Protein backbone atom coordinates (compact mmCIF):
# COMPACT_ATOMS: atom_id res chain seq x y z
CA MET A 1 33.07 27.90 -26.40
CA SER A 2 30.04 26.45 -28.19
CA ASP A 3 29.24 22.81 -27.61
CA ARG A 4 31.25 22.50 -24.44
CA PHE A 5 29.59 21.32 -21.26
CA ALA A 6 30.05 21.11 -17.51
CA ILE A 7 28.33 18.84 -15.04
CA GLY A 8 27.08 20.06 -11.68
CA VAL A 9 26.26 17.48 -9.00
CA ASP A 10 24.06 18.67 -6.15
CA TYR A 11 23.70 16.60 -2.98
CA GLY A 12 20.54 17.55 -1.12
CA THR A 13 19.04 16.20 2.08
CA ASN A 14 16.97 13.52 0.33
CA SER A 15 18.52 13.07 -3.11
CA VAL A 16 21.38 13.87 -5.47
CA ARG A 17 20.92 15.66 -8.79
CA ALA A 18 23.26 15.76 -11.79
CA LEU A 19 22.89 18.61 -14.29
CA VAL A 20 24.54 18.97 -17.71
CA VAL A 21 25.01 22.61 -18.69
CA ASN A 22 26.23 24.40 -21.80
CA VAL A 23 29.11 26.55 -20.55
CA SER A 24 28.61 29.33 -23.08
CA THR A 25 24.86 29.86 -22.63
CA GLY A 26 23.90 28.26 -19.31
CA ALA A 27 21.38 26.08 -21.13
CA GLU A 28 20.51 23.06 -18.98
CA ILE A 29 20.25 20.18 -21.38
CA ALA A 30 19.87 17.15 -19.12
CA THR A 31 19.29 16.24 -15.51
CA HIS A 32 18.71 13.18 -13.38
CA VAL A 33 17.69 12.86 -9.73
CA TYR A 34 18.62 9.88 -7.57
CA ASP A 35 16.60 9.46 -4.39
CA TYR A 36 18.59 8.01 -1.51
CA PRO A 37 17.16 4.53 -0.84
CA SER A 38 18.23 4.14 2.79
CA GLY A 39 16.16 5.01 5.84
CA GLU A 40 13.28 7.46 5.72
CA ALA A 41 13.64 9.59 2.57
CA GLY A 42 17.35 8.86 2.74
CA ILE A 43 17.77 9.67 6.44
CA LEU A 44 18.69 7.03 9.01
CA LEU A 45 16.86 7.72 12.27
CA ASP A 46 16.78 6.33 15.78
CA SER A 47 13.46 6.33 17.64
CA ARG A 48 15.34 6.65 20.93
CA ASP A 49 16.87 9.99 19.96
CA PRO A 50 14.95 12.53 17.83
CA ASN A 51 18.14 14.57 17.43
CA LEU A 52 19.86 11.83 15.40
CA ALA A 53 20.03 12.04 11.59
CA ARG A 54 22.57 9.98 9.65
CA GLN A 55 23.03 8.97 6.00
CA SER A 56 24.67 6.19 4.05
CA PRO A 57 27.96 7.02 2.28
CA MET A 58 27.11 4.20 -0.11
CA ASP A 59 23.99 6.13 -1.13
CA TYR A 60 26.23 9.09 -1.91
CA ILE A 61 28.53 7.08 -4.15
CA ASP A 62 25.72 5.18 -5.88
CA GLY A 63 23.89 8.47 -6.28
CA PHE A 64 26.82 10.10 -8.04
CA MET A 65 27.32 7.20 -10.43
CA THR A 66 23.64 6.77 -11.25
CA SER A 67 22.70 10.44 -11.58
CA VAL A 68 25.72 11.46 -13.67
CA ARG A 69 25.56 8.39 -15.90
CA SER A 70 21.84 8.93 -16.52
CA ALA A 71 22.23 12.66 -17.16
CA VAL A 72 25.02 12.01 -19.69
CA GLN A 73 22.89 9.40 -21.44
CA GLN A 74 19.98 11.81 -21.56
CA ALA A 75 22.20 14.61 -22.88
CA SER A 76 23.40 12.42 -25.73
CA SER A 77 20.09 13.03 -27.53
CA THR A 78 20.76 16.80 -27.60
CA PRO A 79 22.25 18.04 -30.88
CA GLY A 80 25.79 19.26 -30.35
CA PHE A 81 26.41 17.26 -27.19
CA SER A 82 29.27 14.81 -26.95
CA ALA A 83 30.66 13.19 -23.83
CA GLU A 84 34.09 14.15 -25.18
CA ASN A 85 33.09 17.80 -24.82
CA VAL A 86 32.41 17.60 -21.07
CA ILE A 87 35.21 19.77 -19.72
CA GLY A 88 34.62 19.94 -15.97
CA ILE A 89 32.65 18.67 -12.98
CA GLY A 90 31.60 20.55 -9.85
CA VAL A 91 30.08 19.15 -6.66
CA ASP A 92 28.02 20.74 -3.91
CA THR A 93 26.61 19.03 -0.82
CA THR A 94 24.79 19.55 2.44
CA GLY A 95 26.93 20.49 5.40
CA SER A 96 28.26 20.09 7.88
CA THR A 97 27.93 16.41 6.94
CA PRO A 98 31.16 14.69 8.01
CA MET A 99 31.84 10.97 8.03
CA PRO A 100 34.57 8.77 9.58
CA VAL A 101 36.96 7.08 7.13
CA ASP A 102 39.88 4.66 7.35
CA GLU A 103 43.49 5.14 6.17
CA SER A 104 42.50 4.61 2.52
CA GLY A 105 39.58 7.01 2.72
CA GLN A 106 36.94 4.28 2.73
CA ALA A 107 33.88 5.23 4.74
CA LEU A 108 33.66 3.08 7.87
CA ALA A 109 29.95 2.53 7.25
CA SER A 110 30.79 0.51 4.14
CA LYS A 111 32.74 -2.04 6.20
CA PRO A 112 30.88 -5.15 7.39
CA GLU A 113 31.86 -4.66 11.03
CA PHE A 114 30.20 -1.24 11.10
CA LYS A 115 27.14 -1.75 8.91
CA ASP A 116 24.79 -1.72 11.93
CA ASN A 117 26.50 1.12 13.76
CA LEU A 118 24.91 4.48 12.93
CA ALA A 119 27.88 6.36 14.38
CA ALA A 120 29.98 5.03 11.46
CA TYR A 121 27.68 6.64 8.89
CA ALA A 122 27.64 10.23 7.64
CA TRP A 123 26.40 12.66 10.28
CA LEU A 124 23.83 14.71 8.37
CA TRP A 125 23.79 18.49 8.79
CA LYS A 126 20.51 18.30 10.76
CA ASP A 127 21.90 15.86 13.35
CA HIS A 128 21.78 17.66 16.72
CA THR A 129 22.98 14.84 18.97
CA SER A 130 26.13 16.78 19.83
CA HIS A 131 24.45 19.83 21.39
CA ALA A 132 26.25 19.29 24.71
CA GLU A 133 29.62 19.01 22.96
CA ALA A 134 28.92 22.19 20.99
CA LYS A 135 28.34 24.07 24.23
CA GLU A 136 31.55 22.59 25.61
CA ILE A 137 33.53 23.79 22.58
CA SER A 138 32.09 27.29 22.88
CA ALA A 139 32.77 27.41 26.61
CA LEU A 140 36.38 26.23 26.26
CA ALA A 141 37.16 28.70 23.46
CA THR A 142 35.69 31.53 25.54
CA GLU A 143 37.50 30.45 28.71
CA ARG A 144 40.86 30.26 26.93
CA GLY A 145 40.33 33.51 25.04
CA GLU A 146 40.71 31.76 21.69
CA PRO A 147 39.71 33.64 18.51
CA TYR A 148 38.04 30.66 16.86
CA LEU A 149 34.41 31.59 17.54
CA ALA A 150 34.73 35.14 16.21
CA LYS A 151 34.27 34.10 12.59
CA CYS A 152 31.37 31.72 13.21
CA GLY A 153 28.98 33.96 15.07
CA GLY A 154 30.39 33.60 18.57
CA ILE A 155 28.77 30.21 19.28
CA TYR A 156 29.73 26.77 17.99
CA SER A 157 26.84 24.68 16.67
CA SER A 158 25.78 21.09 17.17
CA GLU A 159 25.36 20.90 13.39
CA TRP A 160 29.10 21.30 12.86
CA TYR A 161 32.25 19.27 12.38
CA TRP A 162 34.13 19.16 15.72
CA SER A 163 31.07 18.78 17.93
CA LYS A 164 29.95 15.72 15.96
CA MET A 165 33.39 14.14 16.18
CA LEU A 166 33.61 14.81 19.91
CA HIS A 167 30.18 13.27 20.44
CA CYS A 168 31.31 10.17 18.53
CA ILE A 169 34.30 9.80 20.85
CA ARG A 170 31.99 10.00 23.86
CA THR A 171 29.24 7.72 22.61
CA ALA A 172 30.80 5.36 20.03
CA PRO A 173 34.47 4.86 21.00
CA GLU A 174 34.79 1.83 18.74
CA VAL A 175 34.04 4.02 15.71
CA ALA A 176 36.33 6.80 16.91
CA ALA A 177 39.17 4.31 17.39
CA ALA A 178 38.79 2.97 13.85
CA ALA A 179 38.57 6.39 12.19
CA ALA A 180 41.82 7.59 10.62
CA SER A 181 40.09 10.87 9.79
CA TRP A 182 36.75 12.55 9.21
CA VAL A 183 35.85 14.01 5.84
CA GLU A 184 33.05 16.38 4.91
CA LEU A 185 30.71 15.11 2.20
CA ALA A 186 31.70 18.17 0.12
CA ASP A 187 35.30 16.90 0.14
CA PHE A 188 34.52 13.17 0.13
CA ILE A 189 32.88 13.01 -3.31
CA PRO A 190 35.56 14.96 -5.26
CA ALA A 191 38.21 12.89 -3.46
CA HIS A 192 36.48 9.61 -4.27
CA ILE A 193 36.01 10.28 -7.98
CA THR A 194 39.57 11.59 -8.47
CA GLY A 195 41.34 8.79 -6.60
CA ASN A 196 42.47 11.13 -3.82
CA ALA A 197 40.42 9.58 -1.03
CA ALA A 198 43.27 8.85 1.41
CA PRO A 199 43.02 11.44 4.22
CA ASP A 200 46.44 12.93 3.45
CA LYS A 201 45.46 13.41 -0.21
CA VAL A 202 41.97 14.88 0.24
CA VAL A 203 41.75 18.47 -0.97
CA ARG A 204 39.81 20.28 1.74
CA GLY A 205 37.47 23.05 0.62
CA ILE A 206 37.55 26.41 2.40
CA CYS A 207 33.75 26.50 2.46
CA ALA A 208 33.36 23.51 4.80
CA ALA A 209 36.58 24.15 6.70
CA GLY A 210 35.92 27.83 7.34
CA HIS A 211 32.23 27.74 8.15
CA LYS A 212 32.07 24.50 10.14
CA ALA A 213 35.56 23.54 11.37
CA MET A 214 36.82 26.95 12.63
CA TYR A 215 39.52 27.07 9.93
CA ASN A 216 41.12 30.45 9.32
CA GLU A 217 44.54 31.44 8.00
CA ALA A 218 44.74 34.13 10.71
CA TRP A 219 45.47 31.42 13.32
CA GLY A 220 47.21 28.95 11.05
CA GLY A 221 44.29 26.88 9.82
CA LEU A 222 42.31 24.63 12.15
CA PRO A 223 42.19 25.16 15.93
CA SER A 224 45.48 24.34 17.63
CA GLU A 225 46.46 20.89 18.83
CA GLU A 226 46.47 22.23 22.38
CA PHE A 227 42.88 23.40 22.12
CA LEU A 228 41.66 20.15 20.57
CA ALA A 229 43.58 18.08 23.11
CA ALA A 230 41.88 19.99 25.92
CA LEU A 231 38.57 18.77 24.52
CA ASP A 232 39.83 15.25 23.87
CA PRO A 233 43.31 14.11 22.76
CA GLN A 234 41.78 11.88 20.11
CA LEU A 235 40.68 14.95 18.15
CA VAL A 236 44.31 15.82 17.48
CA LYS A 237 44.82 12.87 15.12
CA TRP A 238 41.97 14.21 12.96
CA ARG A 239 43.46 17.69 12.67
CA TYR A 240 44.52 17.96 9.04
CA THR A 241 47.29 20.43 8.19
CA SER A 242 46.73 20.88 4.46
CA LYS A 243 45.64 24.31 3.26
CA ALA A 244 41.91 24.64 2.59
CA VAL A 245 41.19 26.14 -0.84
CA PRO A 246 38.23 27.71 -2.69
CA ALA A 247 36.04 25.92 -5.22
CA ASP A 248 37.63 27.54 -8.27
CA GLN A 249 40.62 25.25 -7.63
CA LYS A 250 40.95 21.66 -8.83
CA ALA A 251 40.48 18.68 -6.51
CA GLY A 252 41.87 16.29 -9.10
CA ASP A 253 40.99 14.60 -12.37
CA LEU A 254 38.30 12.01 -12.98
CA THR A 255 39.79 8.52 -12.72
CA ALA A 256 39.62 6.10 -15.63
CA GLU A 257 37.55 3.63 -13.62
CA VAL A 258 34.90 6.17 -12.64
CA ALA A 259 34.91 7.78 -16.08
CA ASP A 260 34.37 4.44 -17.83
CA SER A 261 31.34 3.72 -15.65
CA LEU A 262 29.88 7.15 -16.37
CA GLY A 263 30.45 7.09 -20.11
CA LEU A 264 32.87 10.02 -19.91
CA PRO A 265 36.53 10.41 -20.86
CA ALA A 266 39.08 10.06 -18.08
CA GLY A 267 40.96 13.08 -16.82
CA ILE A 268 38.09 15.59 -16.67
CA PRO A 269 39.00 18.24 -14.05
CA VAL A 270 36.91 18.12 -10.86
CA ALA A 271 36.46 21.31 -8.82
CA VAL A 272 36.96 21.49 -5.07
CA GLY A 273 33.64 20.87 -3.35
CA ALA A 274 31.54 23.37 -1.41
CA PHE A 275 28.17 23.51 0.32
CA ASP A 276 24.96 23.51 -1.67
CA ALA A 277 23.84 26.95 -0.51
CA HIS A 278 27.15 28.59 -1.39
CA MET A 279 27.18 27.15 -4.87
CA GLY A 280 23.49 27.96 -5.13
CA ALA A 281 24.39 31.58 -4.46
CA VAL A 282 26.88 31.44 -7.33
CA GLY A 283 24.28 29.81 -9.58
CA ALA A 284 21.85 32.61 -8.74
CA GLY A 285 24.38 35.24 -9.82
CA ALA A 286 25.49 36.40 -6.38
CA GLN A 287 27.80 39.40 -6.17
CA ALA A 288 28.70 41.94 -3.49
CA GLY A 289 25.53 43.07 -1.70
CA THR A 290 23.38 40.27 -3.10
CA LEU A 291 21.74 38.06 -0.49
CA VAL A 292 20.80 34.70 -1.95
CA LYS A 293 18.24 32.63 -0.08
CA ILE A 294 18.34 28.92 -0.88
CA MET A 295 14.91 27.81 0.28
CA GLY A 296 14.13 24.17 0.87
CA THR A 297 13.57 21.98 3.91
CA SER A 298 15.73 24.57 5.64
CA THR A 299 16.98 27.91 4.34
CA CYS A 300 20.57 29.01 3.94
CA ASP A 301 21.41 32.65 3.32
CA CYS A 302 24.64 33.53 1.51
CA LEU A 303 25.99 37.05 1.05
CA PRO A 304 29.32 37.98 -0.59
CA ALA A 305 31.22 41.08 0.56
CA PRO A 306 34.49 42.46 -0.86
CA LEU A 307 37.70 41.25 0.80
CA ALA A 308 39.04 44.79 0.43
CA ASN A 309 36.55 46.03 3.03
CA GLU A 310 37.33 44.83 6.54
CA LEU A 311 34.27 43.27 8.17
CA PRO A 312 33.37 43.23 11.85
CA ASP A 313 32.60 39.95 13.56
CA ILE A 314 28.83 39.47 13.46
CA PRO A 315 27.25 37.58 16.37
CA GLY A 316 25.00 34.70 15.43
CA LEU A 317 26.17 34.20 11.85
CA CYS A 318 27.30 30.77 10.69
CA GLY A 319 30.53 32.24 9.46
CA ILE A 320 32.48 34.96 7.70
CA VAL A 321 34.97 33.07 5.54
CA PRO A 322 37.25 34.43 2.82
CA GLU A 323 36.37 32.99 -0.60
CA SER A 324 33.81 30.46 0.62
CA ILE A 325 31.33 31.69 -2.00
CA LEU A 326 33.28 33.73 -4.56
CA PRO A 327 37.00 34.27 -5.09
CA GLY A 328 38.09 37.67 -3.80
CA MET A 329 35.07 38.01 -1.53
CA TYR A 330 34.16 37.22 2.04
CA GLY A 331 31.39 34.66 2.23
CA LEU A 332 28.77 35.39 4.89
CA GLU A 333 26.48 32.51 5.81
CA ALA A 334 23.33 32.49 7.90
CA GLY A 335 20.18 30.41 7.84
CA GLN A 336 17.08 28.89 9.36
CA SER A 337 17.09 25.28 10.52
CA ALA A 338 13.57 24.62 9.28
CA VAL A 339 11.40 26.26 6.63
CA GLY A 340 9.87 23.78 4.21
CA ASP A 341 10.18 21.20 6.97
CA ILE A 342 7.76 23.28 9.06
CA PHE A 343 5.17 23.40 6.29
CA ASN A 344 5.59 19.67 5.68
CA TRP A 345 5.25 18.94 9.41
CA PHE A 346 1.93 20.77 9.53
CA VAL A 347 0.60 18.96 6.46
CA LYS A 348 1.68 15.52 7.66
CA GLN A 349 0.79 15.82 11.33
CA LEU A 350 -1.97 18.40 11.76
CA SER A 351 -3.68 19.26 8.48
CA PRO A 352 -7.38 18.25 8.38
CA ALA A 353 -8.29 15.35 6.10
CA ALA A 354 -10.42 17.67 3.96
CA PHE A 355 -7.24 19.18 2.53
CA GLY A 356 -5.91 15.83 1.33
CA ASN A 357 -2.33 14.61 1.64
CA ASP A 358 1.12 15.94 0.79
CA ALA A 359 1.23 18.03 -2.40
CA GLU A 360 -2.54 18.30 -2.61
CA ALA A 361 -2.76 19.59 0.96
CA HIS A 362 0.02 22.12 0.38
CA ALA A 363 -1.79 23.43 -2.69
CA LYS A 364 -5.19 23.68 -1.00
CA LEU A 365 -3.80 25.23 2.17
CA THR A 366 -1.83 27.74 0.12
CA GLU A 367 -4.91 28.65 -1.91
CA ALA A 368 -6.94 29.24 1.26
CA ALA A 369 -4.12 31.03 3.08
CA ALA A 370 -3.50 33.37 0.14
CA LYS A 371 -7.02 34.75 0.54
CA LEU A 372 -6.24 35.96 4.08
CA LYS A 373 -4.99 39.45 4.82
CA PRO A 374 -1.85 39.96 6.91
CA GLY A 375 -2.87 40.05 10.57
CA GLU A 376 -6.39 38.79 9.90
CA SER A 377 -5.84 35.53 11.79
CA GLY A 378 -4.59 37.10 15.02
CA LEU A 379 -1.74 34.56 15.03
CA VAL A 380 2.02 34.77 15.25
CA ALA A 381 4.48 31.86 15.38
CA LEU A 382 8.15 31.22 16.03
CA ASP A 383 10.02 29.30 13.32
CA TRP A 384 12.15 27.17 15.66
CA ASN A 385 10.70 23.71 15.05
CA ASN A 386 14.22 22.41 14.43
CA GLY A 387 16.02 24.88 16.68
CA ASN A 388 17.41 28.27 15.70
CA ARG A 389 20.50 28.49 13.49
CA THR A 390 20.72 32.27 13.15
CA ILE A 391 20.91 34.53 15.11
CA LEU A 392 20.50 32.60 18.38
CA VAL A 393 22.42 29.44 17.41
CA ASP A 394 20.44 27.24 19.78
CA PRO A 395 19.29 23.76 18.67
CA LEU A 396 17.22 23.25 21.81
CA LEU A 397 14.67 25.94 20.99
CA THR A 398 11.28 24.80 19.75
CA GLY A 399 8.32 26.15 17.80
CA LEU A 400 5.54 28.31 19.21
CA LEU A 401 2.10 29.47 18.05
CA VAL A 402 0.28 32.28 19.86
CA GLY A 403 -3.20 33.70 19.34
CA GLN A 404 -5.25 30.68 18.38
CA THR A 405 -8.94 30.58 19.31
CA LEU A 406 -11.80 28.15 18.79
CA HIS A 407 -12.34 29.82 15.42
CA THR A 408 -8.75 29.41 14.16
CA THR A 409 -8.56 27.54 10.85
CA ALA A 410 -5.92 25.29 9.36
CA ALA A 411 -5.24 27.84 6.60
CA GLU A 412 -4.68 30.56 9.20
CA ILE A 413 -2.13 28.42 11.02
CA TYR A 414 -0.44 27.48 7.74
CA ARG A 415 -0.10 31.15 6.80
CA ALA A 416 1.18 32.03 10.29
CA LEU A 417 3.92 29.39 9.90
CA VAL A 418 4.93 30.87 6.54
CA GLU A 419 4.97 34.34 8.08
CA ALA A 420 7.12 33.07 10.95
CA THR A 421 9.79 31.92 8.51
CA ALA A 422 9.65 35.32 6.82
CA PHE A 423 10.09 37.04 10.20
CA GLY A 424 13.12 34.82 10.79
CA ALA A 425 14.48 35.87 7.41
CA LEU A 426 14.02 39.55 8.30
CA THR A 427 15.84 39.01 11.60
CA ILE A 428 18.87 37.74 9.69
CA ILE A 429 18.83 40.68 7.26
CA ARG A 430 18.61 43.17 10.11
CA ARG A 431 21.48 41.52 11.96
CA VAL A 432 23.94 41.85 9.05
CA GLU A 433 22.79 45.39 8.33
CA GLU A 434 23.31 46.32 11.99
CA TYR A 435 26.99 45.52 11.45
CA GLY A 436 27.37 47.61 8.31
CA VAL A 437 26.98 44.95 5.62
CA GLU A 438 24.82 46.13 2.74
CA VAL A 439 21.96 44.02 1.37
CA ASN A 440 21.16 45.63 -1.96
CA GLN A 441 19.03 42.88 -3.43
CA VAL A 442 17.59 39.48 -2.50
CA ILE A 443 17.50 36.55 -4.92
CA ASN A 444 15.62 33.41 -3.94
CA CYS A 445 16.02 29.90 -5.29
CA GLY A 446 14.80 26.41 -4.55
CA GLY A 447 11.47 24.67 -4.86
CA ILE A 448 9.53 27.01 -2.58
CA ALA A 449 10.69 30.12 -4.41
CA GLU A 450 9.91 28.49 -7.74
CA LYS A 451 6.47 27.15 -6.96
CA ASN A 452 4.79 29.27 -4.29
CA PRO A 453 3.95 32.91 -5.16
CA MET A 454 2.16 33.36 -1.82
CA VAL A 455 5.32 32.61 0.13
CA MET A 456 7.37 34.99 -2.01
CA GLN A 457 4.83 37.80 -1.64
CA ILE A 458 4.80 37.35 2.14
CA TYR A 459 8.60 37.50 2.19
CA ALA A 460 8.54 40.68 0.07
CA ASP A 461 5.99 42.28 2.39
CA VAL A 462 7.65 41.21 5.65
CA CYS A 463 11.17 42.17 4.54
CA ASN A 464 9.89 45.27 2.68
CA ARG A 465 12.10 44.68 -0.33
CA PRO A 466 11.68 43.09 -3.75
CA MET A 467 12.12 39.34 -3.99
CA LYS A 468 13.78 38.10 -7.17
CA ILE A 469 13.87 34.47 -8.32
CA SER A 470 16.84 32.69 -9.82
CA ARG A 471 16.36 31.81 -13.48
CA SER A 472 17.34 28.21 -12.87
CA ALA A 473 15.14 25.77 -11.01
CA GLN A 474 18.32 23.84 -10.19
CA THR A 475 20.45 26.69 -8.93
CA CYS A 476 22.77 24.71 -6.65
CA ALA A 477 23.64 22.23 -9.39
CA LEU A 478 24.10 25.14 -11.80
CA GLY A 479 26.51 26.81 -9.37
CA ALA A 480 28.47 23.56 -9.17
CA ALA A 481 28.58 23.48 -12.97
CA VAL A 482 29.91 27.06 -12.97
CA PHE A 483 32.93 25.89 -10.98
CA GLY A 484 33.25 22.88 -13.26
CA ALA A 485 33.39 25.29 -16.21
CA VAL A 486 36.11 27.34 -14.51
CA VAL A 487 38.41 24.44 -13.62
CA GLY A 488 37.76 23.05 -17.09
CA GLY A 489 39.10 26.23 -18.66
CA ALA A 490 35.93 27.47 -20.36
CA HIS A 491 36.01 30.71 -18.36
CA ASP A 492 38.95 32.47 -16.75
CA THR A 493 36.98 33.60 -13.69
CA VAL A 494 33.86 32.67 -11.77
CA LYS A 495 32.47 36.13 -12.52
CA ALA A 496 32.82 35.52 -16.25
CA ALA A 497 31.19 32.10 -15.93
CA GLN A 498 28.30 33.61 -13.98
CA ALA A 499 27.76 36.25 -16.66
CA ALA A 500 27.45 33.55 -19.30
CA MET A 501 25.58 30.87 -17.34
CA THR A 502 23.28 32.48 -14.72
CA GLY A 503 20.43 34.99 -14.42
CA VAL A 504 17.10 35.80 -12.75
CA LYS A 505 13.48 35.49 -13.86
CA GLU A 506 11.44 38.45 -15.10
CA THR A 507 8.96 37.96 -12.25
CA VAL A 508 9.77 40.10 -9.22
CA TYR A 509 7.61 40.18 -6.08
CA GLU A 510 7.32 43.80 -4.97
CA PRO A 511 6.28 44.73 -1.41
CA ILE A 512 2.67 45.92 -1.01
CA ALA A 513 2.60 49.04 1.18
CA GLU A 514 -0.50 48.19 3.24
CA ASN A 515 0.81 44.69 3.93
CA VAL A 516 4.20 46.07 4.93
CA ALA A 517 2.52 48.32 7.51
CA VAL A 518 0.71 45.41 9.16
CA TYR A 519 3.76 43.15 9.13
CA GLU A 520 5.82 45.84 10.81
CA GLN A 521 3.41 45.60 13.75
CA LEU A 522 3.39 41.80 13.73
CA TYR A 523 7.18 41.71 13.60
CA GLN A 524 7.33 43.62 16.86
CA VAL A 525 5.26 40.85 18.45
CA TYR A 526 7.47 38.19 16.83
CA ARG A 527 10.59 39.93 18.07
CA ALA A 528 9.26 40.17 21.62
CA LEU A 529 8.62 36.41 21.62
CA HIS A 530 11.98 35.79 19.90
CA ASP A 531 13.91 37.64 22.59
CA ALA A 532 11.82 36.40 25.51
CA PHE A 533 12.09 32.70 24.66
CA GLY A 534 15.45 32.78 22.92
CA THR A 535 17.72 34.99 25.03
CA ALA A 536 18.84 34.96 28.63
CA ASP A 537 18.94 38.72 29.03
CA TYR A 538 15.36 39.56 28.06
CA HIS A 539 13.79 41.89 30.64
CA GLY A 540 10.61 42.98 28.88
CA SER A 541 7.02 41.87 29.37
CA LEU A 542 4.80 39.56 27.32
CA HIS A 543 1.65 40.82 28.97
CA GLU A 544 0.45 42.68 25.87
CA VAL A 545 1.28 40.05 23.24
CA MET A 546 -2.16 38.47 22.97
CA LYS A 547 -3.91 41.83 23.21
CA ASP A 548 -1.68 43.26 20.48
CA LEU A 549 -2.57 40.36 18.21
CA ILE A 550 -6.29 40.90 18.85
CA ARG A 551 -5.88 44.63 18.21
CA ILE A 552 -4.11 44.01 14.91
CA ARG A 553 -6.70 41.40 13.93
CA HIS A 554 -9.55 43.82 14.65
CA GLN A 555 -7.83 46.63 12.78
CA VAL A 556 -7.33 44.49 9.66
CA ARG A 557 -10.84 43.04 9.66
CA GLN A 558 -12.42 46.48 9.91
CA GLN A 559 -10.66 47.72 6.78
């Protein structure tokens, strides 16, 4: 297997990365990042609606061509590399990020008549404009006694497929009328580069279909025509009937035209697409009982569990989908709608000038915050600045900071925001464990896990379990390359490919007992605020919250 290579292509929120990987060793020999040029850091916004977030499908296509071409050119200087020895390509993307397409599979946004209509563009995962439609979908499924919500946490989200399409019908009927279908970004790119872009030829991945479109073989695939028609008859024409398949299957072969532009041979197998977090879990070495946290602007948690063990439905999860992460395993998905975005918000909007800007401010705030003891600030925050994805599934929730005084510093607030995201992470772990799913180890990946020891130590202390770090700094792209290696025939199974291509770093963040004890107290305060502001059935009292924070602060400062 020496001198054979796979390419993983990772579509993030602001850029796309191509990674060339040796399939026998996992050595990453070349990479290139393409920043989306449109909008603000690649995101098309509308000042009239803060919930809107769209992207350009043309950026996606240009990003694939540029990043892969450049990575292949860079790899050519590595001894032993030859473009002829690239055996497979895998693709991961954000999601749910669907876009309307015509009968040929061309994105409507690329047509002149729709170039100024944001509804014709890709609806980015963080677009929450369809929150009313999401509630409507949940209400109708509950009223009719449909099973569809059981596998996606009991509540349909505004971040997901059908709610976005329904909102388009309501607010941009001209786009809805022109759309022959809607295609997830995870399916759009493999379809485009293999010449299978027409809606009836697109190979739909089980990851996107199961977690975001209520697809399940138990009820015959997507929700029934009757259910969709009750929401709006126009949805029925977008109900595909093809079987959704896992990412170890082939979406097609690289076309001659695309291959020629990339400097690659035609006919390279392309794996079925999946979401970035799910392939990131694979790239981190996920197995049964391993929770992988993909930490970036948001966080997605992925946890495989054996198909042989029947799982209960778990309220608040983003989905329990067979084979969405690994073949032969259930894929459990949860997450937080904002993590790095919260830290960036504080730096850009509220950080004092003395700390500088952007990366400099993050570094200085982290250095100052790391000197603080848990509980020393007397602060606790809620991590809902972009709504709550898990376990409340409510995009209309907002952030909260409690305990500030005239002596509160910027570093104290920064640390409290980090702690809030760790409390949110613990809430997710406790929810899955409540329903009998084991979490035996936690592996973290992404820029935050790579670069910020303070954050990782706080997570270890709050969650009271070791925090491991994926060996690769480009774990999602590596996971995509793993699937490229499998469809290319280098490995018979994903498990075998993982054994050869993935691993974790030697550094492990162990929980510190005295910090754990303080965070257990602070988590009780966090959970009281979580339930009081996030649930309708809270009947407790918040009278002691501020006093508890002062008590904890005093206790810590006296030590």
